[in-house]
Protein backbone atom coordinates (compact mmCIF):
# COMPACT_ATOMS: atom_id res chain seq x y z
CA MET A 1 159.14 21.93 -9.40
CA LYS A 2 155.83 22.52 -6.69
CA ARG A 3 158.65 22.95 -4.15
CA PHE A 4 160.59 25.45 -5.99
CA GLY A 5 156.87 27.53 -6.32
CA ILE A 6 156.48 27.26 -2.56
CA THR A 7 160.15 28.58 -1.83
CA ILE A 8 159.59 31.69 -4.07
CA LEU A 9 156.26 32.57 -2.36
CA LEU A 10 157.99 32.22 0.88
CA LEU A 11 160.83 34.38 -0.35
CA MET A 12 158.35 36.95 -1.70
CA VAL A 13 156.58 37.42 1.21
CA CYS A 14 159.56 37.81 3.29
CA LEU A 15 160.79 40.38 1.38
CA LEU A 16 157.44 42.16 1.38
CA GLN A 17 157.32 41.73 5.44
CA ALA A 18 161.03 43.61 5.41
CA SER A 19 159.37 46.29 3.40
CA ILE A 20 156.63 47.20 5.67
CA VAL A 21 156.94 50.44 7.70
CA TYR A 22 155.28 49.65 10.96
CA ALA A 23 153.52 52.87 12.84
CA ASP A 24 153.27 52.99 16.60
CA ILE A 25 151.56 55.12 18.99
CA TYR A 26 153.61 57.91 21.11
CA THR A 27 151.52 59.52 24.14
CA ASP A 28 152.99 62.57 25.89
CA GLU A 29 152.42 63.39 29.13
CA SER A 30 149.18 65.28 28.80
CA GLY A 31 147.52 62.88 26.98
CA ILE A 32 148.64 63.73 23.17
CA LYS A 33 148.81 60.75 21.03
CA TYR A 34 151.55 61.42 17.79
CA VAL A 35 152.01 58.24 15.24
CA TYR A 36 155.05 57.50 14.17
CA LYS A 37 156.76 55.03 11.87
CA VAL A 38 159.37 53.26 12.55
CA GLY A 39 162.46 54.37 10.35
CA GLU A 40 161.23 57.24 9.36
CA SER A 41 161.65 60.97 11.03
CA ASP A 42 158.34 62.46 11.23
CA ALA A 43 155.77 62.42 13.36
CA THR A 44 151.80 62.99 13.50
CA VAL A 45 149.56 64.51 16.08
CA LYS A 46 146.43 62.14 16.00
CA GLY A 47 145.24 63.89 19.41
CA ASP A 48 141.70 63.21 20.86
CA GLY A 49 138.10 63.66 19.70
CA HIS A 50 135.25 62.08 17.97
CA TYR A 51 137.12 62.33 14.62
CA GLU A 52 139.60 60.08 14.84
CA SER A 53 137.85 58.03 18.48
CA ASP A 54 137.97 55.02 15.60
CA VAL A 55 141.98 55.35 16.30
CA PHE A 56 141.89 55.70 19.75
CA PRO A 57 138.56 54.14 21.66
CA GLY A 58 138.41 54.81 24.89
CA GLN A 59 140.94 57.58 25.34
CA THR A 60 140.78 60.58 27.80
CA TRP A 61 139.77 63.80 26.92
CA LEU A 62 142.02 66.68 26.82
CA SER A 63 141.51 69.67 28.92
CA GLY A 64 143.34 73.28 29.61
CA ASP A 65 146.06 74.26 27.74
CA ILE A 66 147.65 71.87 26.02
CA THR A 67 151.33 71.81 24.13
CA ILE A 68 151.78 70.41 21.37
CA LEU A 69 155.27 68.78 21.32
CA ASP A 70 157.92 69.63 18.74
CA LYS A 71 160.02 66.37 18.99
CA PHE A 72 159.94 63.27 21.05
CA THR A 73 162.52 59.98 21.42
CA VAL A 74 161.56 56.67 21.22
CA ASP A 75 163.98 54.15 21.58
CA GLY A 76 167.16 56.59 21.13
CA VAL A 77 165.24 57.60 17.80
CA GLU A 78 164.22 61.25 17.49
CA TYR A 79 160.92 61.87 15.75
CA THR A 80 160.04 65.88 14.42
CA VAL A 81 156.26 66.54 14.68
CA THR A 82 155.39 68.08 11.63
CA THR A 83 151.56 67.05 10.64
CA ILE A 84 148.50 68.07 13.17
CA ASP A 85 145.85 65.55 11.63
CA ARG A 86 142.39 65.68 10.32
CA GLY A 87 140.14 65.99 13.20
CA ALA A 88 142.94 65.58 15.73
CA PHE A 89 141.53 67.74 18.37
CA ASN A 90 137.90 67.58 16.84
CA TYR A 91 134.95 68.25 19.94
CA CYS A 92 138.00 68.73 22.27
CA THR A 93 135.30 70.88 24.20
CA ASP A 94 137.51 71.51 27.40
CA ILE A 95 140.65 72.51 25.77
CA THR A 96 141.22 76.22 26.56
CA GLY A 97 144.66 77.54 25.03
CA ILE A 98 146.79 75.43 22.21
CA THR A 99 150.41 75.86 21.57
CA ILE A 100 151.74 75.03 18.20
CA PRO A 101 155.48 74.25 17.92
CA LYS A 102 157.15 76.25 14.37
CA THR A 103 158.21 72.48 13.14
CA ILE A 104 154.24 72.22 12.09
CA THR A 105 154.05 72.16 8.82
CA TYR A 106 150.83 71.03 8.00
CA ILE A 107 147.28 71.54 10.07
CA GLY A 108 144.47 68.81 8.70
CA ARG A 109 140.38 69.48 7.92
CA ALA A 110 138.98 70.19 11.16
CA ALA A 111 142.10 69.75 13.55
CA PHE A 112 140.53 72.04 16.21
CA GLY A 113 136.79 71.54 15.03
CA ALA A 114 134.24 72.82 17.66
CA CYS A 115 137.17 73.54 19.98
CA GLU A 116 135.08 76.32 21.23
CA ASN A 117 136.43 77.23 24.95
CA VAL A 118 139.74 77.81 22.92
CA THR A 119 141.09 81.34 24.14
CA ASP A 120 144.28 81.66 22.63
CA VAL A 121 146.63 79.61 20.30
CA TRP A 122 150.26 80.69 20.42
CA CYS A 123 151.59 79.32 16.92
CA TYR A 124 155.54 79.31 16.55
CA ALA A 125 154.73 77.94 13.03
CA ASN A 126 156.12 79.43 9.93
CA PRO A 127 152.58 80.37 7.52
CA ASN A 128 154.91 80.55 4.29
CA ASN A 129 156.04 77.04 5.19
CA MET A 130 152.64 75.51 6.15
CA HIS A 131 149.36 74.18 4.92
CA TRP A 132 146.36 75.22 7.13
CA TRP A 133 143.25 73.29 6.10
CA GLU A 134 141.51 76.40 7.44
CA PRO A 135 139.13 78.42 7.22
CA ASP A 136 136.65 75.64 6.28
CA THR A 137 132.96 76.68 6.70
CA TYR A 138 131.59 73.31 7.72
CA TYR A 139 134.14 72.42 10.44
CA VAL A 140 133.91 75.85 12.75
CA SER A 141 136.96 76.13 14.65
CA PHE A 142 137.25 78.21 18.20
CA LYS A 143 135.09 80.53 19.28
CA PRO A 144 132.48 82.38 17.26
CA ASP A 145 132.84 85.55 15.69
CA LYS A 146 136.93 85.33 15.81
CA ALA A 147 136.81 85.55 20.00
CA THR A 148 139.68 83.12 19.78
CA ARG A 149 143.30 85.08 19.90
CA PHE A 150 145.65 83.51 17.97
CA HIS A 151 149.61 84.58 18.98
CA VAL A 152 152.43 84.91 15.69
CA GLN A 153 155.34 85.44 15.89
CA ASP A 154 156.46 89.02 15.28
CA GLY A 155 157.52 89.36 11.71
CA MET A 156 154.37 87.50 10.80
CA LEU A 157 151.44 89.29 11.26
CA ALA A 158 150.74 89.86 7.48
CA ALA A 159 151.71 86.94 6.11
CA TRP A 160 149.16 84.83 8.39
CA GLN A 161 146.34 87.41 7.82
CA THR A 162 146.88 87.40 4.06
CA LEU A 163 147.22 83.26 3.70
CA TYR A 164 144.52 82.55 6.27
CA ALA A 165 142.21 85.72 6.13
CA ASP A 166 139.20 83.65 6.56
CA ALA A 167 140.32 81.83 9.51
CA ASN A 168 138.22 81.85 12.51
CA VAL A 169 140.72 83.76 14.71
CA THR A 170 141.95 87.06 15.86
CA TYR A 171 145.68 87.21 14.67
CA VAL A 172 148.21 89.09 17.54
CA ASP A 173 151.69 89.61 16.61
CA ASP A 174 153.27 89.28 20.27
CA LEU A 175 155.45 86.14 20.03
């Protein structure tokens, strides 16, 4: 009977182990980190910054203009980047420009917190198909007084201004 119990326990452990989805990290050429799960198709920007530094200790600070990938491939599997996680670029004060792809459907709280030197954001995402935790009065993003230009696609200006009116940016429809 004891042997049967041990066999059942081992079988349960094996089944549990087989059902766990493992996350892995992909780092692009500029140093932006993406988390993806083997067996799934979406990926999340973990990026750089103090907010998530416990996840990526000792990473290199990002600087200049950065471009968030829309897709990347690992071992022949393509992953679509859909999320910029909370605090992903928090306190990355050397970033000056950010390009956000159309695949993004969620931007987390303080994703760009204290990115005070960003002068331009080029955003191809559809505001009607995404959720952005901005504005947030505690985690101020970008330059003060709406000095950061947030470039959006032609025809999307009214949607951005309506849905995210309190964001600390000035919307420009020139993409």
